[in-house]
Amino acid sequence: MNSSTRQLPRFIPTLTEVVDPASLNSTARQTKPDVDALIDRVQQQVQPIFERRLQEEFERMVRHQVSKQWSDISAKLKFEMELFVRQAVIDALGSQNTPERTK
């Protein structure tokens, strides 16, 4: 059976209702989304992402600051330790070279 010999259905649906265009405008106005509700919903969805990124940036900033200060403190303490060791060696050698007092 080819398409040219197909029989058409006995009833073909047609649009018989007359639509008043003024009624469409009022329906459209009623179906407008609540902008504030949409904003709240989007903010709720975005909030966890925002908080995660904020936490990541905070941790990165803390690591950077600690690393910078750690380097400065490490250099300062190394210098102080070298002075301490030098002074301890000088004091030890100085006490060996001075005669002990007799009691």
C-alpha atoms as a PDB file:
ATOM      1  CA  MET A   1       0.000   0.000   0.000  1.00  0.00           C
ATOM      2  CA  ASN A   2       1.628   3.214  -1.046  1.00  0.00           C
ATOM      3  CA  SER A   3       1.045   6.688   0.329  1.00  0.00           C
ATOM      4  CA  SER A   4      -1.073   7.824  -2.620  1.00  0.00           C
ATOM      5  CA  THR A   5      -3.703   5.167  -2.017  1.00  0.00           C
ATOM      6  CA  ARG A   6      -3.984   5.771   1.738  1.00  0.00           C
ATOM      7  CA  GLN A   7      -7.375   6.811   2.910  1.00  0.00           C
ATOM      8  CA  LEU A   8      -7.732   9.967   4.927  1.00  0.00           C
ATOM      9  CA  PRO A   9      -9.277   9.677   8.381  1.00  0.00           C
ATOM     10  CA  ARG A  10     -13.008  10.223   8.516  1.00  0.00           C
ATOM     11  CA  PHE A  11     -12.705  13.113  10.994  1.00  0.00           C
ATOM     12  CA  ILE A  12      -9.945  15.702  10.877  1.00  0.00           C
ATOM     13  CA  PRO A  13      -9.593  17.834  14.010  1.00  0.00           C
ATOM     14  CA  THR A  14      -9.884  21.536  13.350  1.00  0.00           C
ATOM     15  CA  LEU A  15      -9.634  24.638  15.511  1.00  0.00           C
ATOM     16  CA  THR A  16     -13.164  25.803  15.991  1.00  0.00           C
ATOM     17  CA  GLU A  17     -12.816  27.910  19.132  1.00  0.00           C
ATOM     18  CA  VAL A  18     -12.462  31.640  18.648  1.00  0.00           C
ATOM     19  CA  VAL A  19      -9.725  33.066  20.835  1.00  0.00           C
ATOM     20  CA  ASP A  20      -9.987  36.604  22.126  1.00  0.00           C
ATOM     21  CA  PRO A  21      -6.467  38.185  22.007  1.00  0.00           C
ATOM     22  CA  ALA A  22      -7.243  40.290  25.092  1.00  0.00           C
ATOM     23  CA  SER A  23      -7.600  37.101  27.167  1.00  0.00           C
ATOM     24  CA  LEU A  24      -4.123  36.008  26.105  1.00  0.00           C
ATOM     25  CA  ASN A  25      -2.508  39.127  27.601  1.00  0.00           C
ATOM     26  CA  SER A  26      -4.102  38.603  31.006  1.00  0.00           C
ATOM     27  CA  THR A  27      -3.068  34.948  30.986  1.00  0.00           C
ATOM     28  CA  ALA A  28       0.480  35.891  30.067  1.00  0.00           C
ATOM     29  CA  ARG A  29       0.662  38.416  32.882  1.00  0.00           C
ATOM     30  CA  GLN A  30      -0.469  35.831  35.401  1.00  0.00           C
ATOM     31  CA  THR A  31       2.167  33.318  34.364  1.00  0.00           C
ATOM     32  CA  LYS A  32       5.141  35.690  34.732  1.00  0.00           C
ATOM     33  CA  PRO A  33       7.666  34.173  37.108  1.00  0.00           C
ATOM     34  CA  ASP A  34       8.224  35.662  40.524  1.00  0.00           C
ATOM     35  CA  VAL A  35      11.594  37.343  40.019  1.00  0.00           C
ATOM     36  CA  ASP A  36      12.418  37.475  43.733  1.00  0.00           C
ATOM     37  CA  ALA A  37      11.645  33.768  44.132  1.00  0.00           C
ATOM     38  CA  LEU A  38      13.851  32.941  41.147  1.00  0.00           C
ATOM     39  CA  ILE A  39      16.667  35.065  42.554  1.00  0.00           C
ATOM     40  CA  ASP A  40      16.376  33.293  45.911  1.00  0.00           C
ATOM     41  CA  ARG A  41      16.399  29.873  44.258  1.00  0.00           C
ATOM     42  CA  VAL A  42      19.447  30.673  42.120  1.00  0.00           C
ATOM     43  CA  GLN A  43      21.269  32.105  45.151  1.00  0.00           C
ATOM     44  CA  GLN A  44      20.547  28.939  47.110  1.00  0.00           C
ATOM     45  CA  GLN A  45      21.987  26.850  44.283  1.00  0.00           C
ATOM     46  CA  VAL A  46      25.057  29.066  43.879  1.00  0.00           C
ATOM     47  CA  GLN A  47      25.738  29.541  47.609  1.00  0.00           C
ATOM     48  CA  PRO A  48      27.600  26.228  48.171  1.00  0.00           C
ATOM     49  CA  ILE A  49      29.840  26.928  45.160  1.00  0.00           C
ATOM     50  CA  PHE A  50      30.508  30.456  46.419  1.00  0.00           C
ATOM     51  CA  GLU A  51      31.326  29.224  49.925  1.00  0.00           C
ATOM     52  CA  ARG A  52      33.673  26.532  48.581  1.00  0.00           C
ATOM     53  CA  ARG A  53      35.534  29.069  46.413  1.00  0.00           C
ATOM     54  CA  LEU A  54      35.708  31.509  49.319  1.00  0.00           C
ATOM     55  CA  GLN A  55      37.192  28.783  51.541  1.00  0.00           C
ATOM     56  CA  GLU A  56      39.720  27.850  48.835  1.00  0.00           C
ATOM     57  CA  GLU A  57      40.817  31.474  48.433  1.00  0.00           C
ATOM     58  CA  PHE A  58      41.071  31.929  52.202  1.00  0.00           C
ATOM     59  CA  GLU A  59      43.239  28.811  52.533  1.00  0.00           C
ATOM     60  CA  ARG A  60      45.431  29.916  49.615  1.00  0.00           C
ATOM     61  CA  MET A  61      45.872  33.351  51.192  1.00  0.00           C
ATOM     62  CA  VAL A  62      46.729  31.850  54.598  1.00  0.00           C
ATOM     63  CA  ARG A  63      49.241  29.430  53.037  1.00  0.00           C
ATOM     64  CA  HIS A  64      50.866  32.304  51.144  1.00  0.00           C
ATOM     65  CA  GLN A  65      51.122  34.521  54.233  1.00  0.00           C
ATOM     66  CA  VAL A  66      52.383  31.702  56.465  1.00  0.00           C
ATOM     67  CA  SER A  67      54.914  30.643  53.842  1.00  0.00           C
ATOM     68  CA  LYS A  68      56.202  34.203  53.493  1.00  0.00           C
ATOM     69  CA  GLN A  69      56.430  34.748  57.252  1.00  0.00           C
ATOM     70  CA  TRP A  70      57.900  31.268  57.771  1.00  0.00           C
ATOM     71  CA  SER A  71      60.725  32.106  55.389  1.00  0.00           C
ATOM     72  CA  ASP A  72      61.443  35.396  57.200  1.00  0.00           C
ATOM     73  CA  ILE A  73      61.281  33.785  60.651  1.00  0.00           C
ATOM     74  CA  SER A  74      63.449  30.865  59.528  1.00  0.00           C
ATOM     75  CA  ALA A  75      66.179  33.214  58.241  1.00  0.00           C
ATOM     76  CA  LYS A  76      66.037  35.284  61.441  1.00  0.00           C
ATOM     77  CA  LEU A  77      66.239  32.222  63.711  1.00  0.00           C
ATOM     78  CA  LYS A  78      69.087  30.758  61.658  1.00  0.00           C
ATOM     79  CA  PHE A  79      71.032  34.007  62.078  1.00  0.00           C
ATOM     80  CA  GLU A  80      70.303  34.082  65.839  1.00  0.00           C
ATOM     81  CA  MET A  81      71.349  30.417  66.165  1.00  0.00           C
ATOM     82  CA  GLU A  82      74.631  31.109  64.390  1.00  0.00           C
ATOM     83  CA  LEU A  83      75.308  33.998  66.802  1.00  0.00           C
ATOM     84  CA  PHE A  84      74.410  31.812  69.774  1.00  0.00           C
ATOM     85  CA  VAL A  85      76.706  28.971  68.622  1.00  0.00           C
ATOM     86  CA  ARG A  86      79.533  31.419  67.877  1.00  0.00           C
ATOM     87  CA  GLN A  87      79.217  33.004  71.316  1.00  0.00           C
ATOM     88  CA  ALA A  88      79.037  29.581  73.007  1.00  0.00           C
ATOM     89  CA  VAL A  89      82.230  28.453  71.239  1.00  0.00           C
ATOM     90  CA  ILE A  90      84.017  31.716  72.105  1.00  0.00           C
ATOM     91  CA  ASP A  91      82.927  31.410  75.742  1.00  0.00           C
ATOM     92  CA  ALA A  92      84.035  27.762  75.886  1.00  0.00           C
ATOM     93  CA  LEU A  93      87.437  28.505  74.367  1.00  0.00           C
ATOM     94  CA  GLY A  94      87.855  31.541  76.586  1.00  0.00           C
ATOM     95  CA  SER A  95      87.217  29.531  79.743  1.00  0.00           C
ATOM     96  CA  GLN A  96      89.782  26.928  78.690  1.00  0.00           C
ATOM     97  CA  ASN A  97      92.474  29.567  78.197  1.00  0.00           C
ATOM     98  CA  THR A  98      92.048  31.304  81.541  1.00  0.00           C
ATOM     99  CA  PRO A  99      93.795  29.677  84.514  1.00  0.00           C
ATOM    100  CA  GLU A 100      91.527  28.394  87.209  1.00  0.00           C
ATOM    101  CA  ARG A 101      91.711  30.267  90.443  1.00  0.00           C
ATOM    102  CA  THR A 102      92.850  28.319  93.386  1.00  0.00           C
ATOM    103  CA  LYS A 103      90.694  28.258  96.400  1.00  0.00           C
END
